[in-house]
Amino acid sequence: MLHADSEENFGSFRRAVQKIVPQRMGNLDVIVAGSGIGQLIEGFTAKLKERLDSDQSTAIEDVKHLMERRLPAFYRQVADHPAPDEIKQHEHKFIVAAYSKSDKKYEIWASRSTALVPVTSYELAGVEDVLYDHIAQRMFTPKMTFHQAVLAGLYLFTIAESTSTYIRTPIHVAAVSEAGISMDKQEYIQVMLDHLRCYERDINRVFLACADTSIPVHKLQDILSDFSPNAAQMHRDHIDGMMNTLDWKDVMNGGPIIKHPIGVPIGIGSGMRMTVQHDAEKAKQEMQRIKEAREWAESMKKRSKAQKSEDQQ
C-alpha cells in the first residue's frame, strides 16, 4: 500500500486521503486508507477501532464484516453532510489491510459501495483520475515482483505529484505480507524516487529513437550501445547508494521488499557499510566458497552429533 499526502480544501471543509498508519485494533494490525470527507473517514476509523478493541477481535474477517455492516450508515452521513457538492460528488472509497499475528493471515480489500472485495491487482483511492488509472494499467503485470509493484506505485505518484495541485510528498509505503505490516523508511523511498527519475529520462530517449524511422539502423545501434553501459553503471551506482542506507539486520531479516541484489555475495566494508560484489566472476567464486563453507559446517555438525551418540553408548 502506498500513500501520498493529499488534501483539497473547500472553505472550511476538506477532502483528504487518510494516511496509511498501522493501528492495533483488537488483536489485529489494521490500516484503513480512505478518500473523501476527512472528518467522516477519521470518525469511521475511530469507531471501527473502538468496536474491534471491545470485541478483542482475532480474525481478519471481523474487519471485513464489521465495515460492511457500517458502510451504509457511513454513506448516509456523507449524503447528509453540509460539505459542498464538489466534495460529496467525489467517490468515497476505502482500501483496508488487516493482519493477524496469531495465524499470520492477512488480507487487503477495497470498497465497492457497501461491500469489501479482495484486491487482486491494483486499486486507486483519491487519485482515480483517468490518467493515473491508465498509468497503473500500463505498469501492472500479474507476475510482477513485490518490489517492482512498489516501484510502479512510486512512479505513479511521481506523475501524480507533477500533474495534481493537491498530491504531494512525502510518500509512505506499507508492506503487507505473512510477516506482518511494516512501514518503509523515508530515506529508502526518496532514493527509489530519485532512481526512477534518472532512468525515465534515458529510457524515453531510447524509446523514441526505436520508433523513429528517420534514424538509420546503425545510428540506433550506437544509441543502444551507449545506453547499455550507462544504464548498467547507473544501476551499479544506485545499488551502492542503496546499500549505504541498509544495515546488517535489513539484509538478514529480508522482508517482502528486497532492497539488495539477490544471489550475489554481500559483505561489510569500511564504516560498517554493506557492500555488494558486482564482478560476475568474483561473485561466482565467492558464492562457491560460501557453499563449501556451509557444506563443511554441516559435515562437522553431523560428525559432532555422531560422536556424541557414540559417547553415550
C-alpha atoms as a PDB file:
ATOM      1  CA  MET A   1       0.000   0.000   0.000  1.00  0.00           C
ATOM      2  CA  LEU A   2       1.304   3.434  -0.948  1.00  0.00           C
ATOM      3  CA  HIS A   3       0.094   6.840   0.157  1.00  0.00           C
ATOM      4  CA  ALA A   4       0.976  10.421  -0.698  1.00  0.00           C
ATOM      5  CA  ASP A   5      -0.141  13.406   1.343  1.00  0.00           C
ATOM      6  CA  SER A   6      -3.313  14.696  -0.283  1.00  0.00           C
ATOM      7  CA  GLU A   7      -5.726  17.375   0.805  1.00  0.00           C
ATOM      8  CA  GLU A   8      -8.159  19.530  -1.147  1.00  0.00           C
ATOM      9  CA  ASN A   9      -9.846  22.383   0.730  1.00  0.00           C
ATOM     10  CA  PHE A  10     -13.239  23.927   0.021  1.00  0.00           C
ATOM     11  CA  GLY A  11     -13.680  26.745   2.513  1.00  0.00           C
ATOM     12  CA  SER A  12     -13.825  25.198   5.972  1.00  0.00           C
ATOM     13  CA  PHE A  13     -14.260  21.697   4.527  1.00  0.00           C
ATOM     14  CA  ARG A  14     -11.505  19.388   3.357  1.00  0.00           C
ATOM     15  CA  ARG A  15     -11.367  16.331   1.144  1.00  0.00           C
ATOM     16  CA  ALA A  16      -8.436  14.181   2.165  1.00  0.00           C
ATOM     17  CA  VAL A  17      -6.862  10.773   1.814  1.00  0.00           C
ATOM     18  CA  GLN A  18      -6.410   9.084   5.173  1.00  0.00           C
ATOM     19  CA  LYS A  19      -2.754   8.353   5.912  1.00  0.00           C
ATOM     20  CA  ILE A  20      -1.710   4.690   5.932  1.00  0.00           C
ATOM     21  CA  VAL A  21      -0.718   4.133   9.531  1.00  0.00           C
ATOM     22  CA  PRO A  22      -0.986   0.629  11.027  1.00  0.00           C
ATOM     23  CA  GLN A  23      -3.173   0.616  14.121  1.00  0.00           C
ATOM     24  CA  ARG A  24      -3.715  -2.083  16.716  1.00  0.00           C
ATOM     25  CA  MET A  25      -7.411  -2.929  16.627  1.00  0.00           C
ATOM     26  CA  GLY A  26      -8.316  -5.736  18.959  1.00  0.00           C
ATOM     27  CA  ASN A  27      -5.595  -8.327  18.351  1.00  0.00           C
ATOM     28  CA  LEU A  28      -5.137  -7.296  14.732  1.00  0.00           C
ATOM     29  CA  ASP A  29      -2.930  -4.831  12.871  1.00  0.00           C
ATOM     30  CA  VAL A  30      -5.143  -2.753  10.578  1.00  0.00           C
ATOM     31  CA  ILE A  31      -4.675   0.016   8.030  1.00  0.00           C
ATOM     32  CA  VAL A  32      -7.711   1.991   6.890  1.00  0.00           C
ATOM     33  CA  ALA A  33      -6.921   4.252   3.935  1.00  0.00           C
ATOM     34  CA  GLY A  34      -9.886   6.309   2.820  1.00  0.00           C
ATOM     35  CA  SER A  35     -10.567   9.138   0.404  1.00  0.00           C
ATOM     36  CA  GLY A  36     -13.386  11.580   0.928  1.00  0.00           C
ATOM     37  CA  ILE A  37     -14.588  13.948   3.662  1.00  0.00           C
ATOM     38  CA  GLY A  38     -11.740  13.884   6.146  1.00  0.00           C
ATOM     39  CA  GLN A  39     -13.752  14.208   9.360  1.00  0.00           C
ATOM     40  CA  LEU A  40     -16.135  11.387   8.410  1.00  0.00           C
ATOM     41  CA  ILE A  41     -13.324   8.997   7.456  1.00  0.00           C
ATOM     42  CA  GLU A  42     -11.451   9.714  10.685  1.00  0.00           C
ATOM     43  CA  GLY A  43     -14.611   9.188  12.723  1.00  0.00           C
ATOM     44  CA  PHE A  44     -15.434   5.966  10.880  1.00  0.00           C
ATOM     45  CA  THR A  45     -11.932   4.609  11.549  1.00  0.00           C
ATOM     46  CA  ALA A  46     -12.073   5.575  15.223  1.00  0.00           C
ATOM     47  CA  LYS A  47     -15.413   3.784  15.682  1.00  0.00           C
ATOM     48  CA  LEU A  48     -14.069   0.709  13.861  1.00  0.00           C
ATOM     49  CA  LYS A  49     -11.112   0.548  16.231  1.00  0.00           C
ATOM     50  CA  GLU A  50     -13.349   1.056  19.262  1.00  0.00           C
ATOM     51  CA  ARG A  51     -15.535  -1.926  18.345  1.00  0.00           C
ATOM     52  CA  LEU A  52     -12.668  -4.245  17.384  1.00  0.00           C
ATOM     53  CA  ASP A  53     -10.894  -3.345  20.636  1.00  0.00           C
ATOM     54  CA  SER A  54     -14.068  -4.057  22.599  1.00  0.00           C
ATOM     55  CA  ASP A  55     -14.501  -7.436  20.892  1.00  0.00           C
ATOM     56  CA  GLN A  56     -10.779  -8.254  21.188  1.00  0.00           C
ATOM     57  CA  SER A  57     -11.037  -9.452  17.590  1.00  0.00           C
ATOM     58  CA  THR A  58      -8.514 -12.032  16.411  1.00  0.00           C
ATOM     59  CA  ALA A  59      -9.830 -12.917  12.915  1.00  0.00           C
ATOM     60  CA  ILE A  60      -9.151 -10.667   9.942  1.00  0.00           C
ATOM     61  CA  GLU A  61     -12.650 -11.453   8.669  1.00  0.00           C
ATOM     62  CA  ASP A  62     -14.000  -9.459  11.640  1.00  0.00           C
ATOM     63  CA  VAL A  63     -12.672  -6.266   9.996  1.00  0.00           C
ATOM     64  CA  LYS A  64     -14.454  -7.011   6.727  1.00  0.00           C
ATOM     65  CA  HIS A  65     -17.768  -7.983   8.312  1.00  0.00           C
ATOM     66  CA  LEU A  66     -17.842  -5.005  10.670  1.00  0.00           C
ATOM     67  CA  MET A  67     -17.004  -2.497   7.937  1.00  0.00           C
ATOM     68  CA  GLU A  68     -19.637  -3.916   5.593  1.00  0.00           C
ATOM     69  CA  ARG A  69     -22.269  -3.567   8.322  1.00  0.00           C
ATOM     70  CA  ARG A  70     -21.297   0.051   8.947  1.00  0.00           C
ATOM     71  CA  LEU A  71     -20.714   1.336   5.408  1.00  0.00           C
ATOM     72  CA  PRO A  72     -24.433   2.000   4.648  1.00  0.00           C
ATOM     73  CA  ALA A  73     -24.629   4.341   7.656  1.00  0.00           C
ATOM     74  CA  PHE A  74     -21.358   5.983   6.568  1.00  0.00           C
ATOM     75  CA  TYR A  75     -22.729   6.793   3.115  1.00  0.00           C
ATOM     76  CA  ARG A  76     -25.882   8.231   4.687  1.00  0.00           C
ATOM     77  CA  GLN A  77     -23.621  10.507   6.729  1.00  0.00           C
ATOM     78  CA  VAL A  78     -21.888  11.604   3.527  1.00  0.00           C
ATOM     79  CA  ALA A  79     -25.219  12.420   1.885  1.00  0.00           C
ATOM     80  CA  ASP A  80     -26.388  14.421   4.926  1.00  0.00           C
ATOM     81  CA  HIS A  81     -23.079  16.230   5.464  1.00  0.00           C
ATOM     82  CA  PRO A  82     -23.137  20.025   4.836  1.00  0.00           C
ATOM     83  CA  ALA A  83     -19.974  19.828   2.717  1.00  0.00           C
ATOM     84  CA  PRO A  84     -20.123  21.387  -0.784  1.00  0.00           C
ATOM     85  CA  ASP A  85     -21.156  19.197  -3.700  1.00  0.00           C
ATOM     86  CA  GLU A  86     -17.599  19.487  -5.086  1.00  0.00           C
ATOM     87  CA  ILE A  87     -16.503  17.268  -2.207  1.00  0.00           C
ATOM     88  CA  LYS A  88     -19.524  14.961  -1.978  1.00  0.00           C
ATOM     89  CA  GLN A  89     -19.612  14.164  -5.704  1.00  0.00           C
ATOM     90  CA  HIS A  90     -16.163  12.541  -5.482  1.00  0.00           C
ATOM     91  CA  GLU A  91     -16.137   8.837  -4.726  1.00  0.00           C
ATOM     92  CA  HIS A  92     -15.676   7.947  -1.076  1.00  0.00           C
ATOM     93  CA  LYS A  93     -13.525   4.878  -1.088  1.00  0.00           C
ATOM     94  CA  PHE A  94     -11.651   2.684   1.381  1.00  0.00           C
ATOM     95  CA  ILE A  95      -8.623   0.457   0.941  1.00  0.00           C
ATOM     96  CA  VAL A  96      -8.149  -1.697   4.036  1.00  0.00           C
ATOM     97  CA  ALA A  97      -5.415  -4.081   5.175  1.00  0.00           C
ATOM     98  CA  ALA A  98      -5.643  -6.456   8.142  1.00  0.00           C
ATOM     99  CA  TYR A  99      -3.056  -8.800   9.641  1.00  0.00           C
ATOM    100  CA  SER A 100      -3.375 -11.403  12.381  1.00  0.00           C
ATOM    101  CA  LYS A 101      -0.137 -12.223  14.164  1.00  0.00           C
ATOM    102  CA  SER A 102      -1.640 -15.335  15.765  1.00  0.00           C
ATOM    103  CA  ASP A 103      -2.127 -17.208  12.472  1.00  0.00           C
ATOM    104  CA  LYS A 104      -0.049 -14.964  10.149  1.00  0.00           C
ATOM    105  CA  LYS A 105      -3.023 -14.353   7.880  1.00  0.00           C
ATOM    106  CA  TYR A 106      -3.505 -11.080   6.040  1.00  0.00           C
ATOM    107  CA  GLU A 107      -5.848  -9.551   3.506  1.00  0.00           C
ATOM    108  CA  ILE A 108      -6.279  -6.301   1.583  1.00  0.00           C
ATOM    109  CA  TRP A 109      -9.723  -5.144   0.476  1.00  0.00           C
ATOM    110  CA  ALA A 110     -11.165  -2.247  -1.491  1.00  0.00           C
ATOM    111  CA  SER A 111     -14.662  -0.913  -1.009  1.00  0.00           C
ATOM    112  CA  ARG A 112     -17.292  -1.342  -3.704  1.00  0.00           C
ATOM    113  CA  SER A 113     -20.252   0.631  -2.424  1.00  0.00           C
ATOM    114  CA  THR A 114     -21.112  -1.207   0.825  1.00  0.00           C
ATOM    115  CA  ALA A 115     -19.004  -4.308   0.160  1.00  0.00           C
ATOM    116  CA  LEU A 116     -15.299  -5.015   0.610  1.00  0.00           C
ATOM    117  CA  VAL A 117     -13.674  -7.088  -2.145  1.00  0.00           C
ATOM    118  CA  PRO A 118     -10.145  -8.557  -2.119  1.00  0.00           C
ATOM    119  CA  VAL A 119      -7.519  -6.599  -4.035  1.00  0.00           C
ATOM    120  CA  THR A 120      -6.135  -8.897  -6.727  1.00  0.00           C
ATOM    121  CA  SER A 121      -4.402  -6.394  -8.999  1.00  0.00           C
ATOM    122  CA  TYR A 122      -4.273  -2.695  -8.136  1.00  0.00           C
ATOM    123  CA  GLU A 123      -6.605  -0.157  -6.548  1.00  0.00           C
ATOM    124  CA  LEU A 124      -6.547   3.639  -6.525  1.00  0.00           C
ATOM    125  CA  ALA A 125      -8.216   5.847  -3.925  1.00  0.00           C
ATOM    126  CA  GLY A 126      -8.099   9.622  -4.045  1.00  0.00           C
ATOM    127  CA  VAL A 127      -6.237   9.600  -7.379  1.00  0.00           C
ATOM    128  CA  GLU A 128      -8.878   7.889  -9.522  1.00  0.00           C
ATOM    129  CA  ASP A 129      -8.194  10.162 -12.471  1.00  0.00           C
ATOM    130  CA  VAL A 130      -8.246   8.506 -15.909  1.00  0.00           C
ATOM    131  CA  LEU A 131      -4.576   9.414 -16.404  1.00  0.00           C
ATOM    132  CA  TYR A 132      -3.459   7.673 -13.206  1.00  0.00           C
ATOM    133  CA  ASP A 133      -5.599   4.617 -13.895  1.00  0.00           C
ATOM    134  CA  HIS A 134      -4.046   4.392 -17.365  1.00  0.00           C
ATOM    135  CA  ILE A 135      -0.540   4.520 -15.868  1.00  0.00           C
ATOM    136  CA  ALA A 136      -1.441   1.833 -13.327  1.00  0.00           C
ATOM    137  CA  GLN A 137      -2.872  -0.433 -16.039  1.00  0.00           C
ATOM    138  CA  ARG A 138       0.213   0.029 -18.186  1.00  0.00           C
ATOM    139  CA  MET A 139       2.641  -0.712 -15.359  1.00  0.00           C
ATOM    140  CA  PHE A 140       0.825  -3.608 -13.677  1.00  0.00           C
ATOM    141  CA  THR A 141       1.517  -7.218 -14.692  1.00  0.00           C
ATOM    142  CA  PRO A 142       0.143 -10.265 -12.835  1.00  0.00           C
ATOM    143  CA  LYS A 143       3.599 -11.807 -12.318  1.00  0.00           C
ATOM    144  CA  MET A 144       5.456  -8.669 -11.234  1.00  0.00           C
ATOM    145  CA  THR A 145       7.540  -8.950  -8.074  1.00  0.00           C
ATOM    146  CA  PHE A 146       6.576  -7.296  -4.798  1.00  0.00           C
ATOM    147  CA  HIS A 147       9.440  -4.836  -5.199  1.00  0.00           C
ATOM    148  CA  GLN A 148       8.515  -3.888  -8.761  1.00  0.00           C
ATOM    149  CA  ALA A 149       4.896  -3.372  -7.708  1.00  0.00           C
ATOM    150  CA  VAL A 150       6.169  -0.833  -5.173  1.00  0.00           C
ATOM    151  CA  LEU A 151       8.305   0.829  -7.859  1.00  0.00           C
ATOM    152  CA  ALA A 152       5.279   1.038 -10.173  1.00  0.00           C
ATOM    153  CA  GLY A 153       3.291   2.713  -7.397  1.00  0.00           C
ATOM    154  CA  LEU A 154       6.098   5.158  -6.672  1.00  0.00           C
ATOM    155  CA  TYR A 155       6.348   6.015 -10.363  1.00  0.00           C
ATOM    156  CA  LEU A 156       2.612   6.686 -10.491  1.00  0.00           C
ATOM    157  CA  PHE A 157       2.936   9.090  -7.578  1.00  0.00           C
ATOM    158  CA  THR A 158       5.773  10.982  -9.279  1.00  0.00           C
ATOM    159  CA  ILE A 159       3.379  11.613 -12.185  1.00  0.00           C
ATOM    160  CA  ALA A 160       0.511  12.461  -9.839  1.00  0.00           C
ATOM    161  CA  GLU A 161       2.605  14.962  -7.885  1.00  0.00           C
ATOM    162  CA  SER A 162       3.638  16.789 -11.058  1.00  0.00           C
ATOM    163  CA  THR A 163       0.118  16.868 -12.540  1.00  0.00           C
ATOM    164  CA  SER A 164      -2.054  17.453  -9.460  1.00  0.00           C
ATOM    165  CA  THR A 165      -2.333  20.543  -7.297  1.00  0.00           C
ATOM    166  CA  TYR A 166      -3.074  18.618  -4.104  1.00  0.00           C
ATOM    167  CA  ILE A 167      -0.972  15.432  -4.225  1.00  0.00           C
ATOM    168  CA  ARG A 168       2.466  15.894  -2.700  1.00  0.00           C
ATOM    169  CA  THR A 169       5.301  14.139  -0.939  1.00  0.00           C
ATOM    170  CA  PRO A 170       6.199  12.538   1.386  1.00  0.00           C
ATOM    171  CA  ILE A 171       5.089   9.195   0.024  1.00  0.00           C
ATOM    172  CA  HIS A 172       4.517   6.411   2.536  1.00  0.00           C
ATOM    173  CA  VAL A 173       4.883   2.698   1.758  1.00  0.00           C
ATOM    174  CA  ALA A 174       3.344  -0.070   3.859  1.00  0.00           C
ATOM    175  CA  ALA A 175       4.336  -3.662   3.074  1.00  0.00           C
ATOM    176  CA  VAL A 176       1.653  -6.207   3.961  1.00  0.00           C
ATOM    177  CA  SER A 177       2.650  -9.886   3.980  1.00  0.00           C
ATOM    178  CA  GLU A 178       2.633 -13.020   6.126  1.00  0.00           C
ATOM    179  CA  ALA A 179       5.418 -11.347   8.145  1.00  0.00           C
ATOM    180  CA  GLY A 180       3.089  -8.517   9.171  1.00  0.00           C
ATOM    181  CA  ILE A 181       2.621  -4.856   8.269  1.00  0.00           C
ATOM    182  CA  SER A 182       5.750  -2.725   8.102  1.00  0.00           C
ATOM    183  CA  MET A 183       6.357   0.876   7.058  1.00  0.00           C
ATOM    184  CA  ASP A 184       9.367   1.585   4.870  1.00  0.00           C
ATOM    185  CA  LYS A 185      11.912   4.247   5.742  1.00  0.00           C
ATOM    186  CA  GLN A 186      11.546   7.636   4.087  1.00  0.00           C
ATOM    187  CA  GLU A 187      15.247   7.526   3.233  1.00  0.00           C
ATOM    188  CA  TYR A 188      14.727   4.430   1.092  1.00  0.00           C
ATOM    189  CA  ILE A 189      11.604   5.813  -0.595  1.00  0.00           C
ATOM    190  CA  GLN A 190      13.384   9.019  -1.593  1.00  0.00           C
ATOM    191  CA  VAL A 191      16.320   7.062  -3.026  1.00  0.00           C
ATOM    192  CA  MET A 192      13.975   4.994  -5.197  1.00  0.00           C
ATOM    193  CA  LEU A 193      12.106   8.087  -6.412  1.00  0.00           C
ATOM    194  CA  ASP A 194      15.423   9.618  -7.477  1.00  0.00           C
ATOM    195  CA  HIS A 195      16.361   6.394  -9.295  1.00  0.00           C
ATOM    196  CA  LEU A 196      13.089   6.314 -11.223  1.00  0.00           C
ATOM    197  CA  ARG A 197      13.519   9.904 -12.412  1.00  0.00           C
ATOM    198  CA  CYS A 198      17.054   9.160 -13.621  1.00  0.00           C
ATOM    199  CA  TYR A 199      16.057   6.079 -15.621  1.00  0.00           C
ATOM    200  CA  GLU A 200      12.952   7.663 -17.127  1.00  0.00           C
ATOM    201  CA  ARG A 201      14.924  10.370 -18.906  1.00  0.00           C
ATOM    202  CA  ASP A 202      17.287   7.938 -20.672  1.00  0.00           C
ATOM    203  CA  ILE A 203      14.655   5.282 -21.367  1.00  0.00           C
ATOM    204  CA  ASN A 204      12.359   7.836 -23.024  1.00  0.00           C
ATOM    205  CA  ARG A 205      15.209   8.850 -25.349  1.00  0.00           C
ATOM    206  CA  VAL A 206      15.777   5.209 -26.360  1.00  0.00           C
ATOM    207  CA  PHE A 207      12.025   4.583 -26.679  1.00  0.00           C
ATOM    208  CA  LEU A 208      11.546   7.432 -29.157  1.00  0.00           C
ATOM    209  CA  ALA A 209      14.685   6.520 -31.084  1.00  0.00           C
ATOM    210  CA  CYS A 210      13.467   2.924 -31.546  1.00  0.00           C
ATOM    211  CA  ALA A 211      10.196   4.145 -33.072  1.00  0.00           C
ATOM    212  CA  ASP A 212      11.813   6.876 -35.214  1.00  0.00           C
ATOM    213  CA  THR A 213      12.172   5.615 -38.805  1.00  0.00           C
ATOM    214  CA  SER A 214      14.254   8.680 -39.718  1.00  0.00           C
ATOM    215  CA  ILE A 215      17.099   7.234 -37.646  1.00  0.00           C
ATOM    216  CA  PRO A 216      19.262   4.752 -39.605  1.00  0.00           C
ATOM    217  CA  VAL A 217      19.786   1.321 -38.058  1.00  0.00           C
ATOM    218  CA  HIS A 218      23.472   1.934 -37.385  1.00  0.00           C
ATOM    219  CA  LYS A 219      22.628   5.152 -35.538  1.00  0.00           C
ATOM    220  CA  LEU A 220      20.069   3.316 -33.404  1.00  0.00           C
ATOM    221  CA  GLN A 221      22.651   0.657 -32.630  1.00  0.00           C
ATOM    222  CA  ASP A 222      25.011   3.423 -31.478  1.00  0.00           C
ATOM    223  CA  ILE A 223      22.280   4.840 -29.215  1.00  0.00           C
ATOM    224  CA  LEU A 224      21.587   1.394 -27.740  1.00  0.00           C
ATOM    225  CA  SER A 225      25.318   0.733 -27.312  1.00  0.00           C
ATOM    226  CA  ASP A 226      25.658   3.974 -25.364  1.00  0.00           C
ATOM    227  CA  PHE A 227      22.572   3.262 -23.289  1.00  0.00           C
ATOM    228  CA  SER A 228      23.532  -0.244 -22.145  1.00  0.00           C
ATOM    229  CA  PRO A 229      26.800   0.545 -20.298  1.00  0.00           C
ATOM    230  CA  ASN A 230      25.413   3.828 -18.980  1.00  0.00           C
ATOM    231  CA  ALA A 231      22.332   2.063 -17.584  1.00  0.00           C
ATOM    232  CA  ALA A 232      24.485  -0.682 -16.065  1.00  0.00           C
ATOM    233  CA  GLN A 233      26.793   1.859 -14.410  1.00  0.00           C
ATOM    234  CA  MET A 234      23.830   3.842 -13.151  1.00  0.00           C
ATOM    235  CA  HIS A 235      22.318   0.642 -11.767  1.00  0.00           C
ATOM    236  CA  ARG A 236      25.596  -0.203 -10.038  1.00  0.00           C
ATOM    237  CA  ASP A 237      25.796   3.275  -8.509  1.00  0.00           C
ATOM    238  CA  HIS A 238      22.191   3.004  -7.350  1.00  0.00           C
ATOM    239  CA  ILE A 239      22.845  -0.391  -5.743  1.00  0.00           C
ATOM    240  CA  ASP A 240      25.869   1.013  -3.909  1.00  0.00           C
ATOM    241  CA  GLY A 241      23.836   4.003  -2.763  1.00  0.00           C
ATOM    242  CA  MET A 242      21.024   1.743  -1.583  1.00  0.00           C
ATOM    243  CA  MET A 243      23.457  -0.458   0.360  1.00  0.00           C
ATOM    244  CA  ASN A 244      24.598   2.654   2.239  1.00  0.00           C
ATOM    245  CA  THR A 245      21.061   3.024   3.610  1.00  0.00           C
ATOM    246  CA  LEU A 246      20.917  -0.588   4.886  1.00  0.00           C
ATOM    247  CA  ASP A 247      22.337  -2.280   7.924  1.00  0.00           C
ATOM    248  CA  TRP A 248      23.038  -5.956   8.531  1.00  0.00           C
ATOM    249  CA  LYS A 249      19.597  -6.556  10.044  1.00  0.00           C
ATOM    250  CA  ASP A 250      17.910  -5.287   6.864  1.00  0.00           C
ATOM    251  CA  VAL A 251      19.794  -7.889   4.836  1.00  0.00           C
ATOM    252  CA  MET A 252      19.388 -10.792   7.263  1.00  0.00           C
ATOM    253  CA  ASN A 253      15.732 -10.215   8.076  1.00  0.00           C
ATOM    254  CA  GLY A 254      14.738  -9.889   4.427  1.00  0.00           C
ATOM    255  CA  GLY A 255      11.126  -8.848   4.063  1.00  0.00           C
ATOM    256  CA  PRO A 256       8.661  -8.508   1.215  1.00  0.00           C
ATOM    257  CA  ILE A 257      10.533  -5.546  -0.314  1.00  0.00           C
ATOM    258  CA  ILE A 258      14.027  -6.752  -1.226  1.00  0.00           C
ATOM    259  CA  LYS A 259      16.440  -3.815  -1.413  1.00  0.00           C
ATOM    260  CA  HIS A 260      19.686  -5.625  -2.218  1.00  0.00           C
ATOM    261  CA  PRO A 261      20.715  -7.800  -5.195  1.00  0.00           C
ATOM    262  CA  ILE A 262      19.737 -11.458  -4.905  1.00  0.00           C
ATOM    263  CA  GLY A 263      22.208 -14.267  -5.491  1.00  0.00           C
ATOM    264  CA  VAL A 264      25.436 -12.287  -5.065  1.00  0.00           C
ATOM    265  CA  PRO A 265      27.784 -12.020  -2.057  1.00  0.00           C
ATOM    266  CA  ILE A 266      27.080  -9.225   0.428  1.00  0.00           C
ATOM    267  CA  GLY A 267      29.651  -8.093   2.966  1.00  0.00           C
ATOM    268  CA  ILE A 268      30.537  -5.326   5.380  1.00  0.00           C
ATOM    269  CA  GLY A 269      33.021  -2.673   4.293  1.00  0.00           C
ATOM    270  CA  SER A 270      34.586   0.360   5.927  1.00  0.00           C
ATOM    271  CA  GLY A 271      32.410   2.225   8.366  1.00  0.00           C
ATOM    272  CA  MET A 272      30.248  -0.904   8.739  1.00  0.00           C
ATOM    273  CA  ARG A 273      28.645  -0.159   5.363  1.00  0.00           C
ATOM    274  CA  MET A 274      27.069  -3.014   3.427  1.00  0.00           C
ATOM    275  CA  THR A 275      28.858  -3.906   0.181  1.00  0.00           C
ATOM    276  CA  VAL A 276      27.997  -5.973  -2.902  1.00  0.00           C
ATOM    277  CA  GLN A 277      30.301  -7.847  -5.265  1.00  0.00           C
ATOM    278  CA  HIS A 278      29.454  -6.597  -8.771  1.00  0.00           C
ATOM    279  CA  ASP A 279      32.062  -8.558 -10.757  1.00  0.00           C
ATOM    280  CA  ALA A 280      30.322 -11.684 -12.109  1.00  0.00           C
ATOM    281  CA  GLU A 281      33.363 -13.980 -11.961  1.00  0.00           C
ATOM    282  CA  LYS A 282      34.392 -12.842  -8.473  1.00  0.00           C
ATOM    283  CA  ALA A 283      30.798 -13.179  -7.305  1.00  0.00           C
ATOM    284  CA  LYS A 284      30.700 -16.746  -8.631  1.00  0.00           C
ATOM    285  CA  GLN A 285      33.946 -17.618  -6.834  1.00  0.00           C
ATOM    286  CA  GLU A 286      32.774 -16.092  -3.548  1.00  0.00           C
ATOM    287  CA  MET A 287      29.428 -17.909  -3.743  1.00  0.00           C
ATOM    288  CA  GLN A 288      31.315 -21.177  -4.295  1.00  0.00           C
ATOM    289  CA  ARG A 289      33.471 -20.520  -1.212  1.00  0.00           C
ATOM    290  CA  ILE A 290      30.344 -19.757   0.821  1.00  0.00           C
ATOM    291  CA  LYS A 291      28.769 -23.001  -0.406  1.00  0.00           C
ATOM    292  CA  GLU A 292      31.861 -25.007   0.533  1.00  0.00           C
ATOM    293  CA  ALA A 293      31.982 -23.367   3.970  1.00  0.00           C
ATOM    294  CA  ARG A 294      28.341 -24.265   4.598  1.00  0.00           C
ATOM    295  CA  GLU A 295      28.912 -27.845   3.493  1.00  0.00           C
ATOM    296  CA  TRP A 296      31.934 -28.108   5.783  1.00  0.00           C
ATOM    297  CA  ALA A 297      29.961 -26.697   8.720  1.00  0.00           C
ATOM    298  CA  GLU A 298      27.131 -29.155   8.057  1.00  0.00           C
ATOM    299  CA  SER A 299      29.544 -32.088   7.894  1.00  0.00           C
ATOM    300  CA  MET A 300      31.178 -31.037  11.181  1.00  0.00           C
ATOM    301  CA  LYS A 301      27.753 -30.772  12.780  1.00  0.00           C
ATOM    302  CA  LYS A 302      26.865 -34.309  11.680  1.00  0.00           C
ATOM    303  CA  ARG A 303      30.249 -35.626  12.836  1.00  0.00           C
ATOM    304  CA  SER A 304      29.829 -33.985  16.232  1.00  0.00           C
ATOM    305  CA  LYS A 305      26.331 -35.437  16.572  1.00  0.00           C
ATOM    306  CA  ALA A 306      27.608 -38.920  15.657  1.00  0.00           C
ATOM    307  CA  GLN A 307      30.495 -38.656  18.149  1.00  0.00           C
ATOM    308  CA  LYS A 308      28.141 -37.562  20.896  1.00  0.00           C
ATOM    309  CA  SER A 309      25.881 -40.547  20.158  1.00  0.00           C
ATOM    310  CA  GLU A 310      28.882 -42.952  20.421  1.00  0.00           C
ATOM    311  CA  ASP A 311      29.984 -41.414  23.722  1.00  0.00           C
ATOM    312  CA  GLN A 312      26.517 -42.013  25.202  1.00  0.00           C
ATOM    313  CA  GLN A 313      26.542 -45.728  24.292  1.00  0.00           C
END
